Amino acid sequence: MRRSRSRRAVIAQWTQADTDEIFALGVLLESYAGTRAACLITAESLDQMRLSAEAKRLEVCVRSDGSRERTCVRNSQFHRL
């Protein structure tokens, strides 16, 4: 952020290098979080995740009406586990 001559805040435009760096940092954080979660997960939680993933797969692959809303709900349920 920088200040304009009139003292208004102006958000700097991101370069491609800035965007690439942000995505690279995201990959590092997601990898770390996934490894940590895998080390701490219980058998019960893993079973819940498998059931949730299967419910989402069925929603996407089997249902003919393909409700985006139901798929989003299933996805949110999975990621809350």
C-alpha atoms as a PDB file:
ATOM      1  CA  MET A   1       0.000   0.000   0.000  1.00  0.00           C
ATOM      2  CA  ARG A   2       1.161   3.507  -0.657  1.00  0.00           C
ATOM      3  CA  ARG A   3      -0.278   6.946  -0.117  1.00  0.00           C
ATOM      4  CA  SER A   4      -1.256   9.092  -3.075  1.00  0.00           C
ATOM      5  CA  ARG A   5      -0.574  12.822  -3.209  1.00  0.00           C
ATOM      6  CA  SER A   6      -4.022  13.406  -1.761  1.00  0.00           C
ATOM      7  CA  ARG A   7      -3.117  11.016   1.124  1.00  0.00           C
ATOM      8  CA  ARG A   8      -5.509   8.301  -0.070  1.00  0.00           C
ATOM      9  CA  ALA A   9      -4.417   4.712   0.353  1.00  0.00           C
ATOM     10  CA  VAL A  10      -3.544   3.011  -2.937  1.00  0.00           C
ATOM     11  CA  ILE A  11      -3.078  -0.733  -3.125  1.00  0.00           C
ATOM     12  CA  ALA A  12      -0.061  -1.657  -5.206  1.00  0.00           C
ATOM     13  CA  GLN A  13      -0.640  -3.889  -8.201  1.00  0.00           C
ATOM     14  CA  TRP A  14       0.796  -7.383  -7.887  1.00  0.00           C
ATOM     15  CA  THR A  15       3.365  -8.592 -10.360  1.00  0.00           C
ATOM     16  CA  GLN A  16       3.396 -12.111 -11.777  1.00  0.00           C
ATOM     17  CA  ALA A  17       6.360 -12.842  -9.482  1.00  0.00           C
ATOM     18  CA  ASP A  18       4.279 -11.735  -6.458  1.00  0.00           C
ATOM     19  CA  THR A  19       1.431 -14.022  -7.496  1.00  0.00           C
ATOM     20  CA  ASP A  20       3.801 -16.938  -8.114  1.00  0.00           C
ATOM     21  CA  GLU A  21       5.339 -16.459  -4.669  1.00  0.00           C
ATOM     22  CA  ILE A  22       1.936 -16.407  -2.952  1.00  0.00           C
ATOM     23  CA  PHE A  23       0.917 -19.650  -4.659  1.00  0.00           C
ATOM     24  CA  ALA A  24       4.262 -21.281  -3.828  1.00  0.00           C
ATOM     25  CA  LEU A  25       3.824 -20.340  -0.160  1.00  0.00           C
ATOM     26  CA  GLY A  26       0.308 -21.792  -0.252  1.00  0.00           C
ATOM     27  CA  VAL A  27       1.661 -25.098  -1.562  1.00  0.00           C
ATOM     28  CA  LEU A  28       4.216 -25.217   1.258  1.00  0.00           C
ATOM     29  CA  LEU A  29       1.600 -24.490   3.913  1.00  0.00           C
ATOM     30  CA  GLU A  30      -0.894 -26.992   2.522  1.00  0.00           C
ATOM     31  CA  SER A  31       1.770 -29.696   2.354  1.00  0.00           C
ATOM     32  CA  TYR A  32       2.783 -29.036   5.951  1.00  0.00           C
ATOM     33  CA  ALA A  33      -0.839 -28.979   7.136  1.00  0.00           C
ATOM     34  CA  GLY A  34      -1.628 -32.224   5.296  1.00  0.00           C
ATOM     35  CA  THR A  35       1.398 -33.982   6.771  1.00  0.00           C
ATOM     36  CA  ARG A  36       0.536 -32.768  10.258  1.00  0.00           C
ATOM     37  CA  ALA A  37      -3.097 -33.804   9.908  1.00  0.00           C
ATOM     38  CA  ALA A  38      -2.099 -37.258   8.640  1.00  0.00           C
ATOM     39  CA  CYS A  39       0.116 -37.760  11.701  1.00  0.00           C
ATOM     40  CA  LEU A  40      -2.635 -36.734  14.130  1.00  0.00           C
ATOM     41  CA  ILE A  41      -5.763 -38.292  12.594  1.00  0.00           C
ATOM     42  CA  THR A  42      -7.656 -40.978  14.496  1.00  0.00           C
ATOM     43  CA  ALA A  43      -9.106 -44.109  12.929  1.00  0.00           C
ATOM     44  CA  GLU A  44     -12.612 -42.807  13.663  1.00  0.00           C
ATOM     45  CA  SER A  45     -11.917 -39.491  11.921  1.00  0.00           C
ATOM     46  CA  LEU A  46     -10.422 -41.292   8.940  1.00  0.00           C
ATOM     47  CA  ASP A  47     -13.554 -43.428   8.642  1.00  0.00           C
ATOM     48  CA  GLN A  48     -15.704 -40.277   8.755  1.00  0.00           C
ATOM     49  CA  MET A  49     -13.604 -38.712   6.021  1.00  0.00           C
ATOM     50  CA  ARG A  50     -13.935 -41.804   3.830  1.00  0.00           C
ATOM     51  CA  LEU A  51     -17.721 -41.816   4.249  1.00  0.00           C
ATOM     52  CA  SER A  52     -17.907 -38.099   3.521  1.00  0.00           C
ATOM     53  CA  ALA A  53     -15.695 -38.412   0.425  1.00  0.00           C
ATOM     54  CA  GLU A  54     -17.829 -41.277  -0.869  1.00  0.00           C
ATOM     55  CA  ALA A  55     -21.035 -39.270  -0.324  1.00  0.00           C
ATOM     56  CA  LYS A  56     -19.513 -36.390  -2.293  1.00  0.00           C
ATOM     57  CA  ARG A  57     -18.363 -38.735  -5.070  1.00  0.00           C
ATOM     58  CA  LEU A  58     -21.867 -40.175  -5.368  1.00  0.00           C
ATOM     59  CA  GLU A  59     -23.336 -36.685  -5.445  1.00  0.00           C
ATOM     60  CA  VAL A  60     -21.074 -35.691  -8.320  1.00  0.00           C
ATOM     61  CA  CYS A  61     -20.893 -38.926 -10.322  1.00  0.00           C
ATOM     62  CA  VAL A  62     -24.193 -40.714  -9.804  1.00  0.00           C
ATOM     63  CA  ARG A  63     -26.951 -38.154  -9.351  1.00  0.00           C
ATOM     64  CA  SER A  64     -28.331 -37.117 -12.695  1.00  0.00           C
ATOM     65  CA  ASP A  65     -29.551 -33.664 -11.632  1.00  0.00           C
ATOM     66  CA  GLY A  66     -26.055 -32.628 -10.441  1.00  0.00           C
ATOM     67  CA  SER A  67     -27.082 -30.136  -7.793  1.00  0.00           C
ATOM     68  CA  ARG A  68     -24.184 -27.746  -7.308  1.00  0.00           C
ATOM     69  CA  GLU A  69     -25.593 -26.692  -3.936  1.00  0.00           C
ATOM     70  CA  ARG A  70     -25.615 -30.275  -2.582  1.00  0.00           C
ATOM     71  CA  THR A  71     -22.092 -30.838  -3.908  1.00  0.00           C
ATOM     72  CA  CYS A  72     -20.901 -27.672  -2.153  1.00  0.00           C
ATOM     73  CA  VAL A  73     -22.541 -28.813   1.086  1.00  0.00           C
ATOM     74  CA  ARG A  74     -20.816 -32.198   0.821  1.00  0.00           C
ATOM     75  CA  ASN A  75     -17.488 -30.512   0.108  1.00  0.00           C
ATOM     76  CA  SER A  76     -17.873 -28.229   3.142  1.00  0.00           C
ATOM     77  CA  GLN A  77     -18.805 -31.191   5.351  1.00  0.00           C
ATOM     78  CA  PHE A  78     -15.672 -33.035   4.244  1.00  0.00           C
ATOM     79  CA  HIS A  79     -13.366 -30.101   4.922  1.00  0.00           C
ATOM     80  CA  ARG A  80     -14.806 -29.531   8.392  1.00  0.00           C
ATOM     81  CA  LEU A  81     -13.788 -33.040   9.500  1.00  0.00           C
END
